[in-house]
Amino acid sequence: MTITVAVDAMGGDVGLKVTVPASLRFLEEHPEARLILVGDSQAIEAELSEQASAARDRLDIRHASQVVDMDEPPQLALKNKKDSSMRVAINLVKDGEAQAAVSAGNTGALMATARFVLKTIPGIDRPAIAKLLPTVEGRDTCMLDLGANVDCTPEQLLQFGIMGSELVSCIAGRENPRVGLLNIGSEDIKGNESVKRASVLLKESGLNFYGNVEGDDVYRGKVDVVVCDGFTGNVALKTSEGVAHMVVMFMRREFSRTWWTRLCALMAMSVLKRFRNSLDPRRYNGASFLGLKGTVVKSHGGTDALGFGFALHQAWEEARSNVIGHITDRVVLQMANLKSPVTEAN
């Protein structure tokens, strides 16, 4: 089956200089895929003319006359930018011309537009932002929500657990993924009332619920899915990114301090490259908007062509694996299970 991905070619800090070469490279690596580049058709054609690729015949262009600015308020973008490259790309998913959309544009505007155009899956209150993160065990962990929902009810945290579990099951091929609930301690008595109630719901859900996990457990690989509200998740993610950047900077500074440390750096070059690749955020670029009736992936606005390519792969893999269909089926089953005690009582 050919999977078509709609690309907001104008979004991000750099735009076409990143999205066009990344798209061509992606097509070269995925011969069964197609892309639709959305944006200023003349500008896209001009950029393509500078890129030689045999995959050009699997790339179409769809003109859009507007661009959503990176700092534009989401509601204004939704109201005033109906022909933006972001909006048109999402419309292509709604109309069935594409099975997924990718944008490096304004996160708030992308979420507002995607939710307005695609709507949420029945049984899902709010979409969540999910991202795969590396662990010391070598198994990626899915963490959600990472910023879409500042305040969450226990029921919504349960929904996040279901969506994250299905994403990991489809993408990583793991049966019955382990789901953990981010908390300030592993004991059941820890946390606020919302987290405590969510813990009870997760235990009764039929998911493979591991229990509470703490912040230092996220990267240990104890669980396959980490559930949290968007405020906590976003702070945890940004803090982790900051620590990773600090570690790399510290190592670079120490290895360049004297001629002896520079020599040591040369001797350890292969190890340092592997270490750098393990922490390279570009290789984990691409956050999924789960809970929508269409696949939408958000790329980091400041990434390069390599990072954007990983976001394209994430969207393609989600569409190919039918993540939305699996989430929908699981939510229907979950709702049926919740109603069954009432049915029996009547």
C-alpha atoms as a PDB file:
ATOM      1  CA  MET A   1       0.000   0.000   0.000  1.00  0.00           C
ATOM      2  CA  THR A   2       1.344   3.415  -0.972  1.00  0.00           C
ATOM      3  CA  ILE A   3       1.314   5.904   1.894  1.00  0.00           C
ATOM      4  CA  THR A   4       1.074   9.590   0.956  1.00  0.00           C
ATOM      5  CA  VAL A   5       2.291  12.208   3.420  1.00  0.00           C
ATOM      6  CA  ALA A   6       1.325  15.879   3.127  1.00  0.00           C
ATOM      7  CA  VAL A   7       4.201  18.179   4.081  1.00  0.00           C
ATOM      8  CA  ASP A   8       3.854  21.753   5.282  1.00  0.00           C
ATOM      9  CA  ALA A   9       6.838  22.865   3.218  1.00  0.00           C
ATOM     10  CA  MET A  10       6.806  26.445   4.511  1.00  0.00           C
ATOM     11  CA  GLY A  11       6.710  25.717   8.255  1.00  0.00           C
ATOM     12  CA  GLY A  12       9.610  25.948  10.699  1.00  0.00           C
ATOM     13  CA  ASP A  13      12.463  28.337  11.310  1.00  0.00           C
ATOM     14  CA  VAL A  14      14.105  27.570   7.947  1.00  0.00           C
ATOM     15  CA  GLY A  15      11.282  26.288   5.753  1.00  0.00           C
ATOM     16  CA  LEU A  16      12.067  25.124   2.213  1.00  0.00           C
ATOM     17  CA  LYS A  17      15.822  24.829   2.759  1.00  0.00           C
ATOM     18  CA  VAL A  18      15.043  22.021   5.209  1.00  0.00           C
ATOM     19  CA  THR A  19      11.739  20.527   4.073  1.00  0.00           C
ATOM     20  CA  VAL A  20      12.611  20.066   0.384  1.00  0.00           C
ATOM     21  CA  PRO A  21      15.950  18.209   0.729  1.00  0.00           C
ATOM     22  CA  ALA A  22      14.540  16.181   3.628  1.00  0.00           C
ATOM     23  CA  SER A  23      11.521  15.194   1.527  1.00  0.00           C
ATOM     24  CA  LEU A  24      13.643  14.057  -1.408  1.00  0.00           C
ATOM     25  CA  ARG A  25      15.940  12.047   0.844  1.00  0.00           C
ATOM     26  CA  PHE A  26      12.937  10.456   2.534  1.00  0.00           C
ATOM     27  CA  LEU A  27      11.497   9.390  -0.819  1.00  0.00           C
ATOM     28  CA  GLU A  28      14.832   7.901  -1.845  1.00  0.00           C
ATOM     29  CA  GLU A  29      14.858   5.828   1.349  1.00  0.00           C
ATOM     30  CA  HIS A  30      11.150   4.870   1.093  1.00  0.00           C
ATOM     31  CA  PRO A  31      10.464   3.825  -2.509  1.00  0.00           C
ATOM     32  CA  GLU A  32       6.848   2.911  -1.678  1.00  0.00           C
ATOM     33  CA  ALA A  33       5.971   6.383  -0.314  1.00  0.00           C
ATOM     34  CA  ARG A  34       4.639   9.564  -1.921  1.00  0.00           C
ATOM     35  CA  LEU A  35       4.772  13.153  -0.678  1.00  0.00           C
ATOM     36  CA  ILE A  36       2.733  16.264  -1.361  1.00  0.00           C
ATOM     37  CA  LEU A  37       4.665  19.473  -0.674  1.00  0.00           C
ATOM     38  CA  VAL A  38       2.262  22.240   0.318  1.00  0.00           C
ATOM     39  CA  GLY A  39       3.173  25.911   0.040  1.00  0.00           C
ATOM     40  CA  ASP A  40       4.216  28.579  -2.439  1.00  0.00           C
ATOM     41  CA  SER A  41       4.421  26.499  -5.631  1.00  0.00           C
ATOM     42  CA  GLN A  42       6.921  28.801  -7.357  1.00  0.00           C
ATOM     43  CA  ALA A  43       9.235  28.819  -4.345  1.00  0.00           C
ATOM     44  CA  ILE A  44       8.984  25.040  -4.013  1.00  0.00           C
ATOM     45  CA  GLU A  45       9.741  24.533  -7.711  1.00  0.00           C
ATOM     46  CA  ALA A  46      12.740  26.834  -7.437  1.00  0.00           C
ATOM     47  CA  GLU A  47      14.106  24.880  -4.491  1.00  0.00           C
ATOM     48  CA  LEU A  48      13.489  21.549  -6.213  1.00  0.00           C
ATOM     49  CA  SER A  49      15.402  22.738  -9.284  1.00  0.00           C
ATOM     50  CA  GLU A  50      18.508  22.938  -7.103  1.00  0.00           C
ATOM     51  CA  GLN A  51      18.069  19.357  -5.838  1.00  0.00           C
ATOM     52  CA  ALA A  52      18.798  16.413  -8.125  1.00  0.00           C
ATOM     53  CA  SER A  53      16.856  13.295  -7.173  1.00  0.00           C
ATOM     54  CA  ALA A  54      15.456  10.275  -8.983  1.00  0.00           C
ATOM     55  CA  ALA A  55      12.531  10.313  -6.523  1.00  0.00           C
ATOM     56  CA  ARG A  56      11.153  13.589  -7.888  1.00  0.00           C
ATOM     57  CA  ASP A  57       8.372  11.766  -9.775  1.00  0.00           C
ATOM     58  CA  ARG A  58       6.820  10.638  -6.467  1.00  0.00           C
ATOM     59  CA  LEU A  59       6.535  14.184  -5.178  1.00  0.00           C
ATOM     60  CA  ASP A  60       3.588  16.459  -5.954  1.00  0.00           C
ATOM     61  CA  ILE A  61       3.111  20.149  -5.217  1.00  0.00           C
ATOM     62  CA  ARG A  62      -0.057  21.759  -3.846  1.00  0.00           C
ATOM     63  CA  HIS A  63      -0.153  25.545  -3.813  1.00  0.00           C
ATOM     64  CA  ALA A  64      -1.049  27.450  -0.644  1.00  0.00           C
ATOM     65  CA  SER A  65      -1.038  31.238  -0.594  1.00  0.00           C
ATOM     66  CA  GLN A  66      -0.505  31.784   3.145  1.00  0.00           C
ATOM     67  CA  VAL A  67       2.005  30.840   5.848  1.00  0.00           C
ATOM     68  CA  VAL A  68       1.388  30.614   9.591  1.00  0.00           C
ATOM     69  CA  ASP A  69       4.036  32.592  11.464  1.00  0.00           C
ATOM     70  CA  MET A  70       5.901  30.830  14.255  1.00  0.00           C
ATOM     71  CA  ASP A  71       4.655  33.320  16.853  1.00  0.00           C
ATOM     72  CA  GLU A  72       1.132  33.726  15.496  1.00  0.00           C
ATOM     73  CA  PRO A  73      -1.709  33.180  18.016  1.00  0.00           C
ATOM     74  CA  PRO A  74      -3.419  29.831  17.260  1.00  0.00           C
ATOM     75  CA  GLN A  75      -6.936  31.236  17.086  1.00  0.00           C
ATOM     76  CA  LEU A  76      -5.920  33.973  14.652  1.00  0.00           C
ATOM     77  CA  ALA A  77      -4.153  31.426  12.465  1.00  0.00           C
ATOM     78  CA  LEU A  78      -7.240  29.220  12.533  1.00  0.00           C
ATOM     79  CA  LYS A  79      -9.538  32.120  11.616  1.00  0.00           C
ATOM     80  CA  ASN A  80      -7.417  34.110   9.164  1.00  0.00           C
ATOM     81  CA  LYS A  81      -5.105  31.570   7.520  1.00  0.00           C
ATOM     82  CA  LYS A  82      -7.513  29.142   5.848  1.00  0.00           C
ATOM     83  CA  ASP A  83      -5.227  28.810   2.822  1.00  0.00           C
ATOM     84  CA  SER A  84      -2.023  28.384   4.809  1.00  0.00           C
ATOM     85  CA  SER A  85       0.381  25.580   3.965  1.00  0.00           C
ATOM     86  CA  MET A  86      -0.381  24.100   7.395  1.00  0.00           C
ATOM     87  CA  ARG A  87      -4.160  24.145   6.910  1.00  0.00           C
ATOM     88  CA  VAL A  88      -4.050  22.821   3.356  1.00  0.00           C
ATOM     89  CA  ALA A  89      -1.775  19.931   4.405  1.00  0.00           C
ATOM     90  CA  ILE A  90      -4.222  18.914   7.136  1.00  0.00           C
ATOM     91  CA  ASN A  91      -7.156  19.277   4.725  1.00  0.00           C
ATOM     92  CA  LEU A  92      -5.442  16.764   2.445  1.00  0.00           C
ATOM     93  CA  VAL A  93      -5.551  14.239   5.292  1.00  0.00           C
ATOM     94  CA  LYS A  94      -9.217  14.961   5.972  1.00  0.00           C
ATOM     95  CA  ASP A  95     -10.092  14.561   2.282  1.00  0.00           C
ATOM     96  CA  GLY A  96      -8.191  11.276   2.024  1.00  0.00           C
ATOM     97  CA  GLU A  97      -5.600  12.513  -0.472  1.00  0.00           C
ATOM     98  CA  ALA A  98      -2.914  11.955   2.162  1.00  0.00           C
ATOM     99  CA  GLN A  99      -2.733   9.532   5.078  1.00  0.00           C
ATOM    100  CA  ALA A 100      -0.597  11.777   7.285  1.00  0.00           C
ATOM    101  CA  ALA A 101       0.619  15.360   7.621  1.00  0.00           C
ATOM    102  CA  VAL A 102       3.915  16.753   8.915  1.00  0.00           C
ATOM    103  CA  SER A 103       4.695  20.330   9.905  1.00  0.00           C
ATOM    104  CA  ALA A 104       7.553  22.115  11.639  1.00  0.00           C
ATOM    105  CA  GLY A 105       5.373  25.171  12.122  1.00  0.00           C
ATOM    106  CA  ASN A 106       3.712  26.837  15.094  1.00  0.00           C
ATOM    107  CA  THR A 107       2.788  24.053  17.563  1.00  0.00           C
ATOM    108  CA  GLY A 108      -0.272  25.780  19.001  1.00  0.00           C
ATOM    109  CA  ALA A 109      -1.635  26.654  15.575  1.00  0.00           C
ATOM    110  CA  LEU A 110      -0.968  23.137  14.294  1.00  0.00           C
ATOM    111  CA  MET A 111      -2.830  21.539  17.197  1.00  0.00           C
ATOM    112  CA  ALA A 112      -5.752  23.986  16.966  1.00  0.00           C
ATOM    113  CA  THR A 113      -6.050  23.513  13.210  1.00  0.00           C
ATOM    114  CA  ALA A 114      -5.684  19.737  13.322  1.00  0.00           C
ATOM    115  CA  ARG A 115      -8.275  19.418  16.048  1.00  0.00           C
ATOM    116  CA  PHE A 116     -10.715  21.721  14.231  1.00  0.00           C
ATOM    117  CA  VAL A 117     -10.327  20.045  10.839  1.00  0.00           C
ATOM    118  CA  LEU A 118      -9.905  16.385  11.775  1.00  0.00           C
ATOM    119  CA  LYS A 119     -11.848  16.183  15.058  1.00  0.00           C
ATOM    120  CA  THR A 120     -11.087  13.696  17.817  1.00  0.00           C
ATOM    121  CA  ILE A 121     -11.706   9.963  17.893  1.00  0.00           C
ATOM    122  CA  PRO A 122     -14.997   9.125  19.685  1.00  0.00           C
ATOM    123  CA  GLY A 123     -14.192   8.420  23.307  1.00  0.00           C
ATOM    124  CA  ILE A 124     -11.111  10.663  23.337  1.00  0.00           C
ATOM    125  CA  ASP A 125     -11.699  13.973  25.105  1.00  0.00           C
ATOM    126  CA  ARG A 126      -8.526  15.746  23.991  1.00  0.00           C
ATOM    127  CA  PRO A 127      -5.620  14.912  21.700  1.00  0.00           C
ATOM    128  CA  ALA A 128      -2.215  14.503  23.322  1.00  0.00           C
ATOM    129  CA  ILE A 129       1.323  15.142  22.126  1.00  0.00           C
ATOM    130  CA  ALA A 130       3.398  11.955  22.262  1.00  0.00           C
ATOM    131  CA  LYS A 131       7.085  11.463  21.630  1.00  0.00           C
ATOM    132  CA  LEU A 132       9.472   8.511  21.611  1.00  0.00           C
ATOM    133  CA  LEU A 133      12.461   8.926  23.920  1.00  0.00           C
ATOM    134  CA  PRO A 134      15.693   6.891  24.218  1.00  0.00           C
ATOM    135  CA  THR A 135      16.445   4.750  27.253  1.00  0.00           C
ATOM    136  CA  VAL A 136      19.529   3.048  28.648  1.00  0.00           C
ATOM    137  CA  GLU A 137      17.938  -0.313  27.784  1.00  0.00           C
ATOM    138  CA  GLY A 138      17.929   0.589  24.088  1.00  0.00           C
ATOM    139  CA  ARG A 139      14.120   0.463  23.953  1.00  0.00           C
ATOM    140  CA  ASP A 140      12.358   3.712  23.161  1.00  0.00           C
ATOM    141  CA  THR A 141       9.776   4.954  25.648  1.00  0.00           C
ATOM    142  CA  CYS A 142       6.667   6.847  24.573  1.00  0.00           C
ATOM    143  CA  MET A 143       5.849   9.814  26.790  1.00  0.00           C
ATOM    144  CA  LEU A 144       2.567  11.745  26.684  1.00  0.00           C
ATOM    145  CA  ASP A 145       1.171  14.327  27.092  1.00  0.00           C
ATOM    146  CA  LEU A 146       4.004  16.760  26.337  1.00  0.00           C
ATOM    147  CA  GLY A 147       2.178  20.059  26.315  1.00  0.00           C
ATOM    148  CA  ALA A 148      -1.241  19.911  24.684  1.00  0.00           C
ATOM    149  CA  ASN A 149      -3.222  19.688  27.946  1.00  0.00           C
ATOM    150  CA  VAL A 150      -2.022  21.577  31.007  1.00  0.00           C
ATOM    151  CA  ASP A 151      -4.759  20.223  33.269  1.00  0.00           C
ATOM    152  CA  CYS A 152      -6.009  16.667  32.872  1.00  0.00           C
ATOM    153  CA  THR A 153      -8.741  14.607  34.457  1.00  0.00           C
ATOM    154  CA  PRO A 154      -8.068  11.020  35.570  1.00  0.00           C
ATOM    155  CA  GLU A 155     -10.174   9.808  32.639  1.00  0.00           C
ATOM    156  CA  GLN A 156      -8.009  11.744  30.189  1.00  0.00           C
ATOM    157  CA  LEU A 157      -4.834  10.277  31.684  1.00  0.00           C
ATOM    158  CA  LEU A 158      -6.359   6.835  31.136  1.00  0.00           C
ATOM    159  CA  GLN A 159      -7.031   7.781  27.507  1.00  0.00           C
ATOM    160  CA  PHE A 160      -3.398   8.856  27.137  1.00  0.00           C
ATOM    161  CA  GLY A 161      -2.325   5.461  28.452  1.00  0.00           C
ATOM    162  CA  ILE A 162      -4.484   3.686  25.880  1.00  0.00           C
ATOM    163  CA  MET A 163      -3.195   5.826  22.997  1.00  0.00           C
ATOM    164  CA  GLY A 164       0.438   5.517  24.024  1.00  0.00           C
ATOM    165  CA  SER A 165       0.112   1.763  24.444  1.00  0.00           C
ATOM    166  CA  GLU A 166      -1.339   1.348  20.951  1.00  0.00           C
ATOM    167  CA  LEU A 167       1.315   3.605  19.416  1.00  0.00           C
ATOM    168  CA  VAL A 168       4.160   1.579  20.919  1.00  0.00           C
ATOM    169  CA  SER A 169       2.469  -1.690  20.024  1.00  0.00           C
ATOM    170  CA  CYS A 170       2.086  -0.627  16.378  1.00  0.00           C
ATOM    171  CA  ILE A 171       5.377   1.195  15.843  1.00  0.00           C
ATOM    172  CA  ALA A 172       7.720  -0.955  17.927  1.00  0.00           C
ATOM    173  CA  GLY A 173       5.863  -4.254  17.619  1.00  0.00           C
ATOM    174  CA  ARG A 174       5.690  -4.768  21.376  1.00  0.00           C
ATOM    175  CA  GLU A 175       2.762  -6.797  22.586  1.00  0.00           C
ATOM    176  CA  ASN A 176       1.123  -5.614  25.790  1.00  0.00           C
ATOM    177  CA  PRO A 177       3.412  -2.581  26.425  1.00  0.00           C
ATOM    178  CA  ARG A 178       4.120  -1.620  30.029  1.00  0.00           C
ATOM    179  CA  VAL A 179       2.405   1.637  31.032  1.00  0.00           C
ATOM    180  CA  GLY A 180       3.680   3.820  33.865  1.00  0.00           C
ATOM    181  CA  LEU A 181       2.110   6.872  35.485  1.00  0.00           C
ATOM    182  CA  LEU A 182       4.522   9.725  36.200  1.00  0.00           C
ATOM    183  CA  ASN A 183       4.367  10.655  39.882  1.00  0.00           C
ATOM    184  CA  ILE A 184       6.479  12.052  42.698  1.00  0.00           C
ATOM    185  CA  GLY A 185       6.931   8.587  44.178  1.00  0.00           C
ATOM    186  CA  SER A 186       6.286   4.936  43.421  1.00  0.00           C
ATOM    187  CA  GLU A 187       3.902   4.441  46.350  1.00  0.00           C
ATOM    188  CA  ASP A 188       0.149   4.513  45.724  1.00  0.00           C
ATOM    189  CA  ILE A 189      -0.363   7.167  48.403  1.00  0.00           C
ATOM    190  CA  LYS A 190       1.834   9.686  46.540  1.00  0.00           C
ATOM    191  CA  GLY A 191       0.575  12.356  44.140  1.00  0.00           C
ATOM    192  CA  ASN A 192      -2.453  14.606  43.846  1.00  0.00           C
ATOM    193  CA  GLU A 193      -6.014  13.344  43.730  1.00  0.00           C
ATOM    194  CA  SER A 194      -6.146  13.329  39.940  1.00  0.00           C
ATOM    195  CA  VAL A 195      -3.059  11.127  39.672  1.00  0.00           C
ATOM    196  CA  LYS A 196      -4.288   8.797  42.417  1.00  0.00           C
ATOM    197  CA  ARG A 197      -7.628   8.344  40.676  1.00  0.00           C
ATOM    198  CA  ALA A 198      -5.873   7.846  37.324  1.00  0.00           C
ATOM    199  CA  SER A 199      -3.798   5.091  38.913  1.00  0.00           C
ATOM    200  CA  VAL A 200      -6.967   3.256  39.925  1.00  0.00           C
ATOM    201  CA  LEU A 201      -8.450   3.619  36.438  1.00  0.00           C
ATOM    202  CA  LEU A 202      -5.269   2.379  34.797  1.00  0.00           C
ATOM    203  CA  LYS A 203      -5.176  -0.658  37.083  1.00  0.00           C
ATOM    204  CA  GLU A 204      -8.740  -1.538  36.117  1.00  0.00           C
ATOM    205  CA  SER A 205      -8.303  -0.784  32.404  1.00  0.00           C
ATOM    206  CA  GLY A 206      -6.826  -4.041  31.178  1.00  0.00           C
ATOM    207  CA  LEU A 207      -3.633  -2.266  30.149  1.00  0.00           C
ATOM    208  CA  ASN A 208      -0.309  -3.682  31.316  1.00  0.00           C
ATOM    209  CA  PHE A 209      -0.065  -1.080  34.077  1.00  0.00           C
ATOM    210  CA  TYR A 210       3.331  -1.083  35.772  1.00  0.00           C
ATOM    211  CA  GLY A 211       2.418   1.493  38.414  1.00  0.00           C
ATOM    212  CA  ASN A 212       3.869   4.850  39.340  1.00  0.00           C
ATOM    213  CA  VAL A 213       7.218   5.912  37.911  1.00  0.00           C
ATOM    214  CA  GLU A 214       9.383   8.848  38.926  1.00  0.00           C
ATOM    215  CA  GLY A 215      11.225  11.327  36.762  1.00  0.00           C
ATOM    216  CA  ASP A 216      14.502   9.421  36.901  1.00  0.00           C
ATOM    217  CA  ASP A 217      12.731   6.279  35.669  1.00  0.00           C
ATOM    218  CA  VAL A 218      11.746   7.782  32.302  1.00  0.00           C
ATOM    219  CA  TYR A 219      15.081   6.997  30.645  1.00  0.00           C
ATOM    220  CA  ARG A 220      15.733   3.717  32.460  1.00  0.00           C
ATOM    221  CA  GLY A 221      13.452   1.695  30.218  1.00  0.00           C
ATOM    222  CA  LYS A 222      11.301   0.312  33.030  1.00  0.00           C
ATOM    223  CA  VAL A 223       8.132   1.034  31.058  1.00  0.00           C
ATOM    224  CA  ASP A 224       7.198   1.444  27.399  1.00  0.00           C
ATOM    225  CA  VAL A 225       4.742   4.295  27.990  1.00  0.00           C
ATOM    226  CA  VAL A 226       4.929   7.167  30.480  1.00  0.00           C
ATOM    227  CA  VAL A 227       1.628   8.963  31.135  1.00  0.00           C
ATOM    228  CA  CYS A 228       1.423  12.485  32.547  1.00  0.00           C
ATOM    229  CA  ASP A 229      -0.393  15.785  32.120  1.00  0.00           C
ATOM    230  CA  GLY A 230       0.917  18.238  29.529  1.00  0.00           C
ATOM    231  CA  PHE A 231       2.378  20.692  32.016  1.00  0.00           C
ATOM    232  CA  THR A 232       4.481  18.071  33.781  1.00  0.00           C
ATOM    233  CA  GLY A 233       5.448  16.334  30.551  1.00  0.00           C
ATOM    234  CA  ASN A 234       6.589  19.480  28.801  1.00  0.00           C
ATOM    235  CA  VAL A 235       8.706  20.597  31.763  1.00  0.00           C
ATOM    236  CA  ALA A 236      10.249  17.124  32.059  1.00  0.00           C
ATOM    237  CA  LEU A 237      11.052  16.979  28.341  1.00  0.00           C
ATOM    238  CA  LYS A 238      12.589  20.450  28.145  1.00  0.00           C
ATOM    239  CA  THR A 239      14.605  19.801  31.306  1.00  0.00           C
ATOM    240  CA  SER A 240      15.915  16.548  29.820  1.00  0.00           C
ATOM    241  CA  GLU A 241      16.891  18.282  26.589  1.00  0.00           C
ATOM    242  CA  GLY A 242      18.692  20.955  28.582  1.00  0.00           C
ATOM    243  CA  VAL A 243      20.611  18.402  30.633  1.00  0.00           C
ATOM    244  CA  ALA A 244      21.638  16.479  27.498  1.00  0.00           C
ATOM    245  CA  HIS A 245      22.893  19.689  25.899  1.00  0.00           C
ATOM    246  CA  MET A 246      24.783  20.612  29.068  1.00  0.00           C
ATOM    247  CA  VAL A 247      26.494  17.193  29.229  1.00  0.00           C
ATOM    248  CA  VAL A 248      27.655  17.494  25.624  1.00  0.00           C
ATOM    249  CA  MET A 249      28.945  21.030  26.224  1.00  0.00           C
ATOM    250  CA  PHE A 250      30.785  19.963  29.385  1.00  0.00           C
ATOM    251  CA  MET A 251      32.471  17.072  27.567  1.00  0.00           C
ATOM    252  CA  ARG A 252      33.457  19.287  24.636  1.00  0.00           C
ATOM    253  CA  ARG A 253      34.936  21.862  26.981  1.00  0.00           C
ATOM    254  CA  GLU A 254      36.861  19.341  29.050  1.00  0.00           C
ATOM    255  CA  PHE A 255      38.276  17.503  26.023  1.00  0.00           C
ATOM    256  CA  SER A 256      39.529  20.768  24.543  1.00  0.00           C
ATOM    257  CA  ARG A 257      41.130  22.074  27.749  1.00  0.00           C
ATOM    258  CA  THR A 258      44.758  20.952  27.098  1.00  0.00           C
ATOM    259  CA  TRP A 259      46.812  19.194  24.398  1.00  0.00           C
ATOM    260  CA  TRP A 260      46.591  15.988  26.433  1.00  0.00           C
ATOM    261  CA  THR A 261      42.791  16.081  26.677  1.00  0.00           C
ATOM    262  CA  ARG A 262      42.606  16.800  22.928  1.00  0.00           C
ATOM    263  CA  LEU A 263      44.720  13.714  22.299  1.00  0.00           C
ATOM    264  CA  CYS A 264      42.410  11.700  24.555  1.00  0.00           C
ATOM    265  CA  ALA A 265      39.453  12.991  22.550  1.00  0.00           C
ATOM    266  CA  LEU A 266      41.032  11.765  19.319  1.00  0.00           C
ATOM    267  CA  MET A 267      41.652   8.339  20.842  1.00  0.00           C
ATOM    268  CA  ALA A 268      38.053   8.143  22.036  1.00  0.00           C
ATOM    269  CA  MET A 269      36.535   9.617  18.871  1.00  0.00           C
ATOM    270  CA  SER A 270      34.510   6.527  17.901  1.00  0.00           C
ATOM    271  CA  VAL A 271      33.058   6.268  21.411  1.00  0.00           C
ATOM    272  CA  LEU A 272      32.247   9.975  21.497  1.00  0.00           C
ATOM    273  CA  LYS A 273      30.469   9.775  18.143  1.00  0.00           C
ATOM    274  CA  ARG A 274      28.292   6.919  19.365  1.00  0.00           C
ATOM    275  CA  PHE A 275      27.566   8.851  22.549  1.00  0.00           C
ATOM    276  CA  ARG A 276      26.642  11.962  20.573  1.00  0.00           C
ATOM    277  CA  ASN A 277      24.365   9.976  18.267  1.00  0.00           C
ATOM    278  CA  SER A 278      22.618   8.409  21.248  1.00  0.00           C
ATOM    279  CA  LEU A 279      21.716  11.870  22.557  1.00  0.00           C
ATOM    280  CA  ASP A 280      21.133  13.492  19.170  1.00  0.00           C
ATOM    281  CA  PRO A 281      17.625  15.029  19.415  1.00  0.00           C
ATOM    282  CA  ARG A 282      17.296  14.975  15.619  1.00  0.00           C
ATOM    283  CA  ARG A 283      17.023  11.190  15.702  1.00  0.00           C
ATOM    284  CA  TYR A 284      13.971  11.487  17.948  1.00  0.00           C
ATOM    285  CA  ASN A 285      12.395  14.393  16.117  1.00  0.00           C
ATOM    286  CA  GLY A 286       8.697  14.082  15.459  1.00  0.00           C
ATOM    287  CA  ALA A 287       5.937  14.379  18.060  1.00  0.00           C
ATOM    288  CA  SER A 288       2.635  12.656  17.315  1.00  0.00           C
ATOM    289  CA  PHE A 289      -0.748  14.306  17.863  1.00  0.00           C
ATOM    290  CA  LEU A 290      -2.626  11.263  19.144  1.00  0.00           C
ATOM    291  CA  GLY A 291      -6.402  11.123  19.459  1.00  0.00           C
ATOM    292  CA  LEU A 292      -7.276  12.786  16.150  1.00  0.00           C
ATOM    293  CA  LYS A 293      -9.086  11.169  13.218  1.00  0.00           C
ATOM    294  CA  GLY A 294      -5.966  11.644  11.147  1.00  0.00           C
ATOM    295  CA  THR A 295      -2.209  11.290  11.560  1.00  0.00           C
ATOM    296  CA  VAL A 296      -0.398  14.555  12.300  1.00  0.00           C
ATOM    297  CA  VAL A 297       3.261  14.783  13.333  1.00  0.00           C
ATOM    298  CA  LYS A 298       4.972  17.912  14.606  1.00  0.00           C
ATOM    299  CA  SER A 299       8.633  18.429  13.764  1.00  0.00           C
ATOM    300  CA  HIS A 300      10.843  20.700  15.836  1.00  0.00           C
ATOM    301  CA  GLY A 301      10.884  24.114  14.197  1.00  0.00           C
ATOM    302  CA  GLY A 302      14.660  24.478  14.349  1.00  0.00           C
ATOM    303  CA  THR A 303      15.668  21.026  13.124  1.00  0.00           C
ATOM    304  CA  ASP A 304      17.721  20.360   9.991  1.00  0.00           C
ATOM    305  CA  ALA A 305      17.001  18.064   7.038  1.00  0.00           C
ATOM    306  CA  LEU A 306      18.135  14.983   8.972  1.00  0.00           C
ATOM    307  CA  GLY A 307      15.751  15.710  11.847  1.00  0.00           C
ATOM    308  CA  PHE A 308      12.849  16.547   9.544  1.00  0.00           C
ATOM    309  CA  GLY A 309      13.407  13.256   7.776  1.00  0.00           C
ATOM    310  CA  PHE A 310      12.844  11.398  11.036  1.00  0.00           C
ATOM    311  CA  ALA A 311       9.546  13.269  11.504  1.00  0.00           C
ATOM    312  CA  LEU A 312       8.493  12.202   8.003  1.00  0.00           C
ATOM    313  CA  HIS A 313       9.360   8.602   8.832  1.00  0.00           C
ATOM    314  CA  GLN A 314       7.344   8.780  12.058  1.00  0.00           C
ATOM    315  CA  ALA A 315       4.254   9.987  10.189  1.00  0.00           C
ATOM    316  CA  TRP A 316       4.690   7.397   7.440  1.00  0.00           C
ATOM    317  CA  GLU A 317       5.138   4.571   9.945  1.00  0.00           C
ATOM    318  CA  GLU A 318       2.060   5.596  11.954  1.00  0.00           C
ATOM    319  CA  ALA A 319      -0.092   5.685   8.813  1.00  0.00           C
ATOM    320  CA  ARG A 320       1.355   2.402   7.532  1.00  0.00           C
ATOM    321  CA  SER A 321       0.723   0.696  10.882  1.00  0.00           C
ATOM    322  CA  ASN A 322      -2.828   2.105  11.148  1.00  0.00           C
ATOM    323  CA  VAL A 323      -2.242   3.527  14.614  1.00  0.00           C
ATOM    324  CA  ILE A 324      -5.508   5.481  14.473  1.00  0.00           C
ATOM    325  CA  GLY A 325      -7.504   2.350  13.707  1.00  0.00           C
ATOM    326  CA  HIS A 326      -5.910   0.477  16.602  1.00  0.00           C
ATOM    327  CA  ILE A 327      -6.551   3.356  19.012  1.00  0.00           C
ATOM    328  CA  THR A 328     -10.174   3.590  17.867  1.00  0.00           C
ATOM    329  CA  ASP A 329     -10.752  -0.149  18.388  1.00  0.00           C
ATOM    330  CA  ARG A 330      -9.131  -0.074  21.833  1.00  0.00           C
ATOM    331  CA  VAL A 331     -11.180   2.940  22.935  1.00  0.00           C
ATOM    332  CA  VAL A 332     -14.400   1.262  21.785  1.00  0.00           C
ATOM    333  CA  LEU A 333     -13.450  -1.852  23.751  1.00  0.00           C
ATOM    334  CA  GLN A 334     -12.577   0.228  26.798  1.00  0.00           C
ATOM    335  CA  MET A 335     -15.894   2.077  26.687  1.00  0.00           C
ATOM    336  CA  ALA A 336     -17.745  -1.223  26.399  1.00  0.00           C
ATOM    337  CA  ASN A 337     -15.908  -2.593  29.438  1.00  0.00           C
ATOM    338  CA  LEU A 338     -16.775   0.484  31.461  1.00  0.00           C
ATOM    339  CA  LYS A 339     -20.465   0.136  30.598  1.00  0.00           C
ATOM    340  CA  SER A 340     -20.719  -3.627  31.196  1.00  0.00           C
ATOM    341  CA  PRO A 341     -21.111  -3.511  35.036  1.00  0.00           C
ATOM    342  CA  VAL A 342     -24.033  -1.098  34.643  1.00  0.00           C
ATOM    343  CA  THR A 343     -25.602  -3.333  32.003  1.00  0.00           C
ATOM    344  CA  GLU A 344     -25.306  -6.381  34.229  1.00  0.00           C
ATOM    345  CA  ALA A 345     -26.753  -4.479  37.194  1.00  0.00           C
ATOM    346  CA  ASN A 346     -29.810  -3.527  35.162  1.00  0.00           C
END
